[in-house]
Amino acid sequence: MGLIEAGSQILMADWTEKPLEEISVDDEIIGFERVDRYNTRLVKTKVLRRVTQLAEVVESTTGCGRILRHTPDHRFLRPSNGGDFRYVALKLGSKVVSIYKPFLKPNAEEQRDLDWLGGILDGEGSISKTGNAISQQENSNPEIFEGIKVVLERLKIGYAMGMTHTSTRFSMKGGRSLQIRLLQNARMMKKERFRKALWDGRQLSETSGRGGGCSQPKIVSIERFGKKKTVELETTTHNLVCNGFAVFWSSALAARNTYR
């Protein structure tokens, strides 16, 4: 059974993150399960067992530059177009499933911008499983209109602008990753709407589309990283979300968890 290096971030059931070594038995975290043969949802899962040990670790890097540190035999979810979940040990060229892209803790300036954006979303924002948008009238509120553009650009949040019959609509790009980033960091009153939108999703990877891109990135390098503190967990769904990736985790089962 494989292990993950301590310090890796686990997605908790409230959509916050916690270092792997701080996870305890009975904690509720996020895993995933089949809804039917072609649809998967994120669900709450409970930690049943936790073991810590020193082990030889490798550092696997994806084509998008994201890094995973794990024992060579640890298994990750392989992308598929339906059917059974299949988990594989990583090798060069393997694809992994990105559920979201984690962000670094914001600095003071970024935190101010995130809180300002949270206030705008409370007033003029709409949130759903398909995305987030802000509606604003340029003629009535030119300073706020310009401020939305400035703050989105400073936070490196992509957006598209379109006209409705009464205002301009800023449709924010970033999918689930952006929703988790805002939920974790922006001060706002609509957090429950973000949680509902995240739970309502029926797609496991960050974005759809054949070829995967950064939602299903390839492993481009695997390097030895030495002996490190590692942690093994077992969960009720036999999987979890670690550093934004879909990971198999159960010493009690084989490398395949099937939908029937």
C-alpha atoms as a PDB file:
ATOM      1  CA  MET A   1       0.000   0.000   0.000  1.00  0.00           C
ATOM      2  CA  GLY A   2       1.399   3.427  -0.954  1.00  0.00           C
ATOM      3  CA  LEU A   3       1.811   6.495   1.223  1.00  0.00           C
ATOM      4  CA  ILE A   4       1.888  10.277   0.744  1.00  0.00           C
ATOM      5  CA  GLU A   5       4.455  12.678   2.208  1.00  0.00           C
ATOM      6  CA  ALA A   6       3.441  14.575   5.342  1.00  0.00           C
ATOM      7  CA  GLY A   7       2.610  18.207   4.578  1.00  0.00           C
ATOM      8  CA  SER A   8       0.405  17.338   1.617  1.00  0.00           C
ATOM      9  CA  GLN A   9      -2.962  19.118   1.784  1.00  0.00           C
ATOM     10  CA  ILE A  10      -6.195  17.147   2.246  1.00  0.00           C
ATOM     11  CA  LEU A  11      -9.552  18.622   1.199  1.00  0.00           C
ATOM     12  CA  MET A  12     -11.859  18.593   4.223  1.00  0.00           C
ATOM     13  CA  ALA A  13     -15.640  18.170   4.232  1.00  0.00           C
ATOM     14  CA  ASP A  14     -16.103  21.929   4.802  1.00  0.00           C
ATOM     15  CA  TRP A  15     -13.915  22.656   1.704  1.00  0.00           C
ATOM     16  CA  THR A  16     -10.975  23.891   3.752  1.00  0.00           C
ATOM     17  CA  GLU A  17      -7.560  22.207   3.573  1.00  0.00           C
ATOM     18  CA  LYS A  18      -5.560  20.533   6.327  1.00  0.00           C
ATOM     19  CA  PRO A  19      -2.028  19.071   6.301  1.00  0.00           C
ATOM     20  CA  LEU A  20      -2.077  15.300   5.994  1.00  0.00           C
ATOM     21  CA  GLU A  21      -0.227  14.733   9.282  1.00  0.00           C
ATOM     22  CA  GLU A  22      -2.950  16.653  11.160  1.00  0.00           C
ATOM     23  CA  ILE A  23      -5.745  14.357   9.959  1.00  0.00           C
ATOM     24  CA  SER A  24      -7.255  12.136  12.671  1.00  0.00           C
ATOM     25  CA  VAL A  25      -9.450   9.055  12.724  1.00  0.00           C
ATOM     26  CA  ASP A  26     -13.153  10.033  12.403  1.00  0.00           C
ATOM     27  CA  ASP A  27     -12.340  13.310  10.597  1.00  0.00           C
ATOM     28  CA  GLU A  28     -14.711  14.046   7.708  1.00  0.00           C
ATOM     29  CA  ILE A  29     -12.925  14.786   4.454  1.00  0.00           C
ATOM     30  CA  ILE A  30     -13.929  14.751   0.775  1.00  0.00           C
ATOM     31  CA  GLY A  31     -13.850  11.677  -1.440  1.00  0.00           C
ATOM     32  CA  PHE A  32     -15.784  10.697  -4.535  1.00  0.00           C
ATOM     33  CA  GLU A  33     -18.231   8.048  -5.761  1.00  0.00           C
ATOM     34  CA  ARG A  34     -20.098   7.029  -8.885  1.00  0.00           C
ATOM     35  CA  VAL A  35     -23.623   8.365  -9.403  1.00  0.00           C
ATOM     36  CA  ASP A  36     -24.028   6.167 -12.473  1.00  0.00           C
ATOM     37  CA  ARG A  37     -21.702   4.726 -15.091  1.00  0.00           C
ATOM     38  CA  TYR A  38     -20.781   8.121 -16.530  1.00  0.00           C
ATOM     39  CA  ASN A  39     -21.220  10.576 -13.652  1.00  0.00           C
ATOM     40  CA  THR A  40     -19.245  11.019 -10.443  1.00  0.00           C
ATOM     41  CA  ARG A  41     -19.820  13.279  -7.462  1.00  0.00           C
ATOM     42  CA  LEU A  42     -17.737  14.526  -4.582  1.00  0.00           C
ATOM     43  CA  VAL A  43     -18.999  13.247  -1.223  1.00  0.00           C
ATOM     44  CA  LYS A  44     -18.116  13.357   2.447  1.00  0.00           C
ATOM     45  CA  THR A  45     -16.005  10.420   3.603  1.00  0.00           C
ATOM     46  CA  LYS A  46     -14.736   9.479   7.059  1.00  0.00           C
ATOM     47  CA  VAL A  47     -11.192   8.542   8.041  1.00  0.00           C
ATOM     48  CA  LEU A  48     -11.150   5.004   9.427  1.00  0.00           C
ATOM     49  CA  ARG A  49      -7.443   4.454  10.005  1.00  0.00           C
ATOM     50  CA  ARG A  50      -4.205   6.446  10.053  1.00  0.00           C
ATOM     51  CA  VAL A  51      -0.602   5.210  10.069  1.00  0.00           C
ATOM     52  CA  THR A  52       2.605   7.302  10.031  1.00  0.00           C
ATOM     53  CA  GLN A  53       6.036   5.984   9.034  1.00  0.00           C
ATOM     54  CA  LEU A  54       9.325   6.870   7.339  1.00  0.00           C
ATOM     55  CA  ALA A  55       9.480   5.704   3.734  1.00  0.00           C
ATOM     56  CA  GLU A  56      11.317   6.329   0.479  1.00  0.00           C
ATOM     57  CA  VAL A  57       9.490   9.034  -1.486  1.00  0.00           C
ATOM     58  CA  VAL A  58       9.534  10.150  -5.114  1.00  0.00           C
ATOM     59  CA  GLU A  59       8.598  13.560  -6.502  1.00  0.00           C
ATOM     60  CA  SER A  60       6.273  13.382  -9.503  1.00  0.00           C
ATOM     61  CA  THR A  61       5.787  16.529 -11.602  1.00  0.00           C
ATOM     62  CA  THR A  62       2.928  17.112 -14.036  1.00  0.00           C
ATOM     63  CA  GLY A  63       3.105  18.947 -17.343  1.00  0.00           C
ATOM     64  CA  CYS A  64       1.275  21.826 -15.604  1.00  0.00           C
ATOM     65  CA  GLY A  65       4.068  22.148 -13.048  1.00  0.00           C
ATOM     66  CA  ARG A  66       2.199  20.719 -10.062  1.00  0.00           C
ATOM     67  CA  ILE A  67       4.072  18.330  -7.760  1.00  0.00           C
ATOM     68  CA  LEU A  68       3.132  15.198  -5.832  1.00  0.00           C
ATOM     69  CA  ARG A  69       5.419  13.482  -3.304  1.00  0.00           C
ATOM     70  CA  HIS A  70       4.549   9.879  -2.559  1.00  0.00           C
ATOM     71  CA  THR A  71       5.920   6.373  -2.287  1.00  0.00           C
ATOM     72  CA  PRO A  72       6.498   4.764  -5.713  1.00  0.00           C
ATOM     73  CA  ASP A  73       3.654   2.255  -5.218  1.00  0.00           C
ATOM     74  CA  HIS A  74       0.962   4.777  -4.303  1.00  0.00           C
ATOM     75  CA  ARG A  75      -2.000   4.730  -6.686  1.00  0.00           C
ATOM     76  CA  PHE A  76      -3.842   7.635  -8.283  1.00  0.00           C
ATOM     77  CA  LEU A  77      -7.101   7.711 -10.216  1.00  0.00           C
ATOM     78  CA  ARG A  78      -6.605   7.244 -13.949  1.00  0.00           C
ATOM     79  CA  PRO A  79      -8.912   9.297 -16.239  1.00  0.00           C
ATOM     80  CA  SER A  80     -11.643   7.325 -17.965  1.00  0.00           C
ATOM     81  CA  ASN A  81     -14.778   7.897 -20.030  1.00  0.00           C
ATOM     82  CA  GLY A  82     -17.026   5.949 -17.705  1.00  0.00           C
ATOM     83  CA  GLY A  83     -17.165   2.528 -16.115  1.00  0.00           C
ATOM     84  CA  ASP A  84     -14.977   1.389 -13.244  1.00  0.00           C
ATOM     85  CA  PHE A  85     -12.624   3.554 -11.242  1.00  0.00           C
ATOM     86  CA  ARG A  86      -9.081   2.443 -12.035  1.00  0.00           C
ATOM     87  CA  TYR A  87      -6.124   3.420  -9.904  1.00  0.00           C
ATOM     88  CA  VAL A  88      -2.515   3.118 -11.041  1.00  0.00           C
ATOM     89  CA  ALA A  89       0.998   3.678  -9.698  1.00  0.00           C
ATOM     90  CA  LEU A  90       2.530   6.617 -11.559  1.00  0.00           C
ATOM     91  CA  LYS A  91       5.085   6.338 -14.336  1.00  0.00           C
ATOM     92  CA  LEU A  92       6.235   8.763 -17.022  1.00  0.00           C
ATOM     93  CA  GLY A  93       3.280   9.587 -19.262  1.00  0.00           C
ATOM     94  CA  SER A  94       0.641   8.576 -16.708  1.00  0.00           C
ATOM     95  CA  LYS A  95      -2.346  10.892 -16.452  1.00  0.00           C
ATOM     96  CA  VAL A  96      -3.869  11.960 -13.151  1.00  0.00           C
ATOM     97  CA  VAL A  97      -7.225  13.575 -12.379  1.00  0.00           C
ATOM     98  CA  SER A  98      -7.147  17.139 -11.037  1.00  0.00           C
ATOM     99  CA  ILE A  99     -10.257  17.948  -9.012  1.00  0.00           C
ATOM    100  CA  TYR A 100      -9.076  21.502  -8.336  1.00  0.00           C
ATOM    101  CA  LYS A 101      -5.894  23.556  -8.326  1.00  0.00           C
ATOM    102  CA  PRO A 102      -4.842  24.633  -4.808  1.00  0.00           C
ATOM    103  CA  PHE A 103      -3.688  28.219  -4.274  1.00  0.00           C
ATOM    104  CA  LEU A 104      -1.080  29.586  -1.898  1.00  0.00           C
ATOM    105  CA  LYS A 105      -2.250  31.481   1.183  1.00  0.00           C
ATOM    106  CA  PRO A 106      -2.945  35.084   0.066  1.00  0.00           C
ATOM    107  CA  ASN A 107      -0.646  37.907   1.098  1.00  0.00           C
ATOM    108  CA  ALA A 108      -2.054  41.058   2.713  1.00  0.00           C
ATOM    109  CA  GLU A 109      -2.770  42.842  -0.591  1.00  0.00           C
ATOM    110  CA  GLU A 110      -4.397  39.776  -2.118  1.00  0.00           C
ATOM    111  CA  GLN A 111      -6.496  39.305   1.025  1.00  0.00           C
ATOM    112  CA  ARG A 112      -7.832  42.873   0.732  1.00  0.00           C
ATOM    113  CA  ASP A 113      -8.756  42.250  -2.898  1.00  0.00           C
ATOM    114  CA  LEU A 114     -10.402  38.913  -2.087  1.00  0.00           C
ATOM    115  CA  ASP A 115     -12.463  40.494   0.699  1.00  0.00           C
ATOM    116  CA  TRP A 116     -13.503  43.364  -1.612  1.00  0.00           C
ATOM    117  CA  LEU A 117     -14.509  40.846  -4.275  1.00  0.00           C
ATOM    118  CA  GLY A 118     -16.442  38.866  -1.659  1.00  0.00           C
ATOM    119  CA  GLY A 119     -18.444  41.985  -0.832  1.00  0.00           C
ATOM    120  CA  ILE A 120     -19.210  42.566  -4.510  1.00  0.00           C
ATOM    121  CA  LEU A 121     -20.337  38.940  -4.884  1.00  0.00           C
ATOM    122  CA  ASP A 122     -22.619  39.370  -1.865  1.00  0.00           C
ATOM    123  CA  GLY A 123     -24.275  42.357  -3.536  1.00  0.00           C
ATOM    124  CA  GLU A 124     -24.211  41.718  -7.277  1.00  0.00           C
ATOM    125  CA  GLY A 125     -22.954  38.153  -7.633  1.00  0.00           C
ATOM    126  CA  SER A 126     -24.552  34.924  -8.786  1.00  0.00           C
ATOM    127  CA  ILE A 127     -23.131  31.510  -7.890  1.00  0.00           C
ATOM    128  CA  SER A 128     -24.010  28.133  -9.394  1.00  0.00           C
ATOM    129  CA  LYS A 129     -22.353  24.828 -10.253  1.00  0.00           C
ATOM    130  CA  THR A 130     -21.668  26.230 -13.741  1.00  0.00           C
ATOM    131  CA  GLY A 131     -19.735  29.257 -12.484  1.00  0.00           C
ATOM    132  CA  ASN A 132     -19.726  32.693 -10.865  1.00  0.00           C
ATOM    133  CA  ALA A 133     -20.720  36.043 -12.312  1.00  0.00           C
ATOM    134  CA  ILE A 134     -21.081  39.698 -11.292  1.00  0.00           C
ATOM    135  CA  SER A 135     -23.586  42.093 -12.852  1.00  0.00           C
ATOM    136  CA  GLN A 136     -22.833  45.821 -12.783  1.00  0.00           C
ATOM    137  CA  GLN A 137     -24.010  48.959 -14.595  1.00  0.00           C
ATOM    138  CA  GLU A 138     -21.118  51.000 -15.950  1.00  0.00           C
ATOM    139  CA  ASN A 139     -23.109  54.237 -16.297  1.00  0.00           C
ATOM    140  CA  SER A 140     -24.550  54.096 -12.778  1.00  0.00           C
ATOM    141  CA  ASN A 141     -21.450  52.889 -10.946  1.00  0.00           C
ATOM    142  CA  PRO A 142     -18.357  53.614 -13.068  1.00  0.00           C
ATOM    143  CA  GLU A 143     -15.910  53.391 -10.134  1.00  0.00           C
ATOM    144  CA  ILE A 144     -17.233  49.987  -9.029  1.00  0.00           C
ATOM    145  CA  PHE A 145     -17.370  48.808 -12.639  1.00  0.00           C
ATOM    146  CA  GLU A 146     -13.706  49.693 -13.146  1.00  0.00           C
ATOM    147  CA  GLY A 147     -12.795  48.304  -9.724  1.00  0.00           C
ATOM    148  CA  ILE A 148     -14.182  44.887 -10.639  1.00  0.00           C
ATOM    149  CA  LYS A 149     -11.881  44.718 -13.659  1.00  0.00           C
ATOM    150  CA  VAL A 150      -8.862  45.914 -11.713  1.00  0.00           C
ATOM    151  CA  VAL A 151      -9.345  43.483  -8.819  1.00  0.00           C
ATOM    152  CA  LEU A 152     -10.040  40.469 -11.054  1.00  0.00           C
ATOM    153  CA  GLU A 153      -6.890  41.231 -13.028  1.00  0.00           C
ATOM    154  CA  ARG A 154      -4.763  41.719  -9.899  1.00  0.00           C
ATOM    155  CA  LEU A 155      -5.985  38.378  -8.554  1.00  0.00           C
ATOM    156  CA  LYS A 156      -5.306  36.771 -11.974  1.00  0.00           C
ATOM    157  CA  ILE A 157      -8.940  35.700 -12.284  1.00  0.00           C
ATOM    158  CA  GLY A 158      -9.926  35.454 -15.929  1.00  0.00           C
ATOM    159  CA  TYR A 159     -13.314  36.773 -17.011  1.00  0.00           C
ATOM    160  CA  ALA A 160     -15.530  37.380 -20.011  1.00  0.00           C
ATOM    161  CA  MET A 161     -17.821  40.404 -20.350  1.00  0.00           C
ATOM    162  CA  GLY A 162     -21.275  40.272 -21.862  1.00  0.00           C
ATOM    163  CA  MET A 163     -24.309  42.528 -21.959  1.00  0.00           C
ATOM    164  CA  THR A 164     -27.701  41.801 -20.446  1.00  0.00           C
ATOM    165  CA  HIS A 165     -30.726  44.055 -21.015  1.00  0.00           C
ATOM    166  CA  THR A 166     -29.831  46.142 -17.926  1.00  0.00           C
ATOM    167  CA  SER A 167     -26.124  45.690 -17.125  1.00  0.00           C
ATOM    168  CA  THR A 168     -22.757  44.183 -17.966  1.00  0.00           C
ATOM    169  CA  ARG A 169     -22.082  40.649 -16.776  1.00  0.00           C
ATOM    170  CA  PHE A 170     -18.581  39.623 -15.666  1.00  0.00           C
ATOM    171  CA  SER A 171     -18.430  35.822 -16.021  1.00  0.00           C
ATOM    172  CA  MET A 172     -15.449  34.624 -13.997  1.00  0.00           C
ATOM    173  CA  LYS A 173     -13.303  31.789 -15.299  1.00  0.00           C
ATOM    174  CA  GLY A 174     -11.699  29.187 -13.083  1.00  0.00           C
ATOM    175  CA  GLY A 175     -14.437  26.660 -12.357  1.00  0.00           C
ATOM    176  CA  ARG A 176     -14.231  24.616  -9.178  1.00  0.00           C
ATOM    177  CA  SER A 177     -10.709  25.870  -8.385  1.00  0.00           C
ATOM    178  CA  LEU A 178     -11.929  29.467  -8.235  1.00  0.00           C
ATOM    179  CA  GLN A 179     -14.980  28.567  -6.150  1.00  0.00           C
ATOM    180  CA  ILE A 180     -12.808  26.777  -3.595  1.00  0.00           C
ATOM    181  CA  ARG A 181     -10.307  29.660  -3.581  1.00  0.00           C
ATOM    182  CA  LEU A 182     -13.057  32.206  -2.893  1.00  0.00           C
ATOM    183  CA  LEU A 183     -14.783  30.000  -0.327  1.00  0.00           C
ATOM    184  CA  GLN A 184     -11.537  29.486   1.588  1.00  0.00           C
ATOM    185  CA  ASN A 185     -10.229  33.054   1.451  1.00  0.00           C
ATOM    186  CA  ALA A 186     -12.862  35.716   0.684  1.00  0.00           C
ATOM    187  CA  ARG A 187     -14.950  37.184   3.498  1.00  0.00           C
ATOM    188  CA  MET A 188     -18.555  37.098   2.325  1.00  0.00           C
ATOM    189  CA  MET A 189     -22.063  36.104   3.375  1.00  0.00           C
ATOM    190  CA  LYS A 190     -22.807  33.806   0.404  1.00  0.00           C
ATOM    191  CA  LYS A 191     -20.452  31.013   1.434  1.00  0.00           C
ATOM    192  CA  GLU A 192     -23.295  28.514   1.774  1.00  0.00           C
ATOM    193  CA  ARG A 193     -24.188  29.121  -1.881  1.00  0.00           C
ATOM    194  CA  PHE A 194     -20.618  28.283  -2.855  1.00  0.00           C
ATOM    195  CA  ARG A 195     -20.770  25.049  -0.850  1.00  0.00           C
ATOM    196  CA  LYS A 196     -24.063  24.092  -2.502  1.00  0.00           C
ATOM    197  CA  ALA A 197     -22.645  24.785  -5.970  1.00  0.00           C
ATOM    198  CA  LEU A 198     -19.607  22.616  -5.199  1.00  0.00           C
ATOM    199  CA  TRP A 199     -21.701  19.710  -3.880  1.00  0.00           C
ATOM    200  CA  ASP A 200     -24.088  19.940  -6.854  1.00  0.00           C
ATOM    201  CA  GLY A 201     -21.340  19.242  -9.398  1.00  0.00           C
ATOM    202  CA  ARG A 202     -21.426  15.911 -11.235  1.00  0.00           C
ATOM    203  CA  GLN A 203     -18.024  16.072 -12.887  1.00  0.00           C
ATOM    204  CA  LEU A 204     -14.927  14.817 -11.144  1.00  0.00           C
ATOM    205  CA  SER A 205     -12.133  16.551 -13.045  1.00  0.00           C
ATOM    206  CA  GLU A 206     -11.783  20.328 -13.001  1.00  0.00           C
ATOM    207  CA  THR A 207     -12.922  20.802 -16.611  1.00  0.00           C
ATOM    208  CA  SER A 208     -14.455  18.680 -19.336  1.00  0.00           C
ATOM    209  CA  GLY A 209     -13.094  18.144 -22.800  1.00  0.00           C
ATOM    210  CA  ARG A 210     -11.158  15.422 -24.490  1.00  0.00           C
ATOM    211  CA  GLY A 211      -7.413  15.509 -24.090  1.00  0.00           C
ATOM    212  CA  GLY A 212      -7.684  16.645 -20.485  1.00  0.00           C
ATOM    213  CA  GLY A 213      -5.193  19.518 -20.457  1.00  0.00           C
ATOM    214  CA  CYS A 214      -4.502  20.620 -16.881  1.00  0.00           C
ATOM    215  CA  SER A 215      -7.600  18.816 -15.621  1.00  0.00           C
ATOM    216  CA  GLN A 216      -5.986  15.491 -16.569  1.00  0.00           C
ATOM    217  CA  PRO A 217      -2.263  16.330 -16.721  1.00  0.00           C
ATOM    218  CA  LYS A 218       0.517  13.925 -17.639  1.00  0.00           C
ATOM    219  CA  ILE A 219       3.431  13.043 -15.397  1.00  0.00           C
ATOM    220  CA  VAL A 220       6.567  14.431 -17.075  1.00  0.00           C
ATOM    221  CA  SER A 221       9.207  13.594 -14.459  1.00  0.00           C
ATOM    222  CA  ILE A 222       9.656  11.283 -11.471  1.00  0.00           C
ATOM    223  CA  GLU A 223      12.675  11.822  -9.228  1.00  0.00           C
ATOM    224  CA  ARG A 224      13.839  10.201  -6.011  1.00  0.00           C
ATOM    225  CA  PHE A 225      13.239  12.479  -3.017  1.00  0.00           C
ATOM    226  CA  GLY A 226      14.739  10.469  -0.170  1.00  0.00           C
ATOM    227  CA  LYS A 227      13.303   9.005   3.016  1.00  0.00           C
ATOM    228  CA  LYS A 228      10.537  11.202   4.431  1.00  0.00           C
ATOM    229  CA  LYS A 229       7.740  11.119   6.975  1.00  0.00           C
ATOM    230  CA  THR A 230       4.664   9.692   5.256  1.00  0.00           C
ATOM    231  CA  VAL A 231       1.062   9.002   6.219  1.00  0.00           C
ATOM    232  CA  GLU A 232      -1.364   6.273   5.171  1.00  0.00           C
ATOM    233  CA  LEU A 233      -5.110   6.731   5.551  1.00  0.00           C
ATOM    234  CA  GLU A 234      -8.108   4.506   5.021  1.00  0.00           C
ATOM    235  CA  THR A 235     -11.494   6.107   4.269  1.00  0.00           C
ATOM    236  CA  THR A 236     -15.061   4.894   3.847  1.00  0.00           C
ATOM    237  CA  THR A 237     -15.008   5.664   0.103  1.00  0.00           C
ATOM    238  CA  HIS A 238     -11.450   4.254  -0.307  1.00  0.00           C
ATOM    239  CA  ASN A 239     -10.318   7.538  -1.851  1.00  0.00           C
ATOM    240  CA  LEU A 240      -9.781  11.228  -1.098  1.00  0.00           C
ATOM    241  CA  VAL A 241      -8.528  14.521  -2.563  1.00  0.00           C
ATOM    242  CA  CYS A 242      -4.855  15.273  -1.905  1.00  0.00           C
ATOM    243  CA  ASN A 243      -3.122  18.423  -3.233  1.00  0.00           C
ATOM    244  CA  GLY A 244      -6.128  18.764  -5.546  1.00  0.00           C
ATOM    245  CA  PHE A 245      -5.749  15.298  -7.113  1.00  0.00           C
ATOM    246  CA  ALA A 246      -7.991  12.203  -6.957  1.00  0.00           C
ATOM    247  CA  VAL A 247      -6.156   9.593  -4.886  1.00  0.00           C
ATOM    248  CA  PHE A 248      -6.861   5.961  -3.984  1.00  0.00           C
ATOM    249  CA  TRP A 249      -6.461   5.219  -0.299  1.00  0.00           C
ATOM    250  CA  SER A 250      -7.413   1.962   1.338  1.00  0.00           C
ATOM    251  CA  SER A 251      -5.196  -0.864   2.459  1.00  0.00           C
ATOM    252  CA  ALA A 252      -8.200  -3.175   2.579  1.00  0.00           C
ATOM    253  CA  LEU A 253      -9.056  -3.224  -1.123  1.00  0.00           C
ATOM    254  CA  ALA A 254      -7.422  -4.031  -4.416  1.00  0.00           C
ATOM    255  CA  ALA A 255      -6.379  -1.275  -6.790  1.00  0.00           C
ATOM    256  CA  ARG A 256      -9.826  -1.088  -8.333  1.00  0.00           C
ATOM    257  CA  ASN A 257     -13.075   0.264  -6.933  1.00  0.00           C
ATOM    258  CA  THR A 258     -15.955  -0.588  -9.263  1.00  0.00           C
ATOM    259  CA  TYR A 259     -19.388   0.872  -9.879  1.00  0.00           C
ATOM    260  CA  ARG A 260     -22.152  -1.718 -10.157  1.00  0.00           C
END
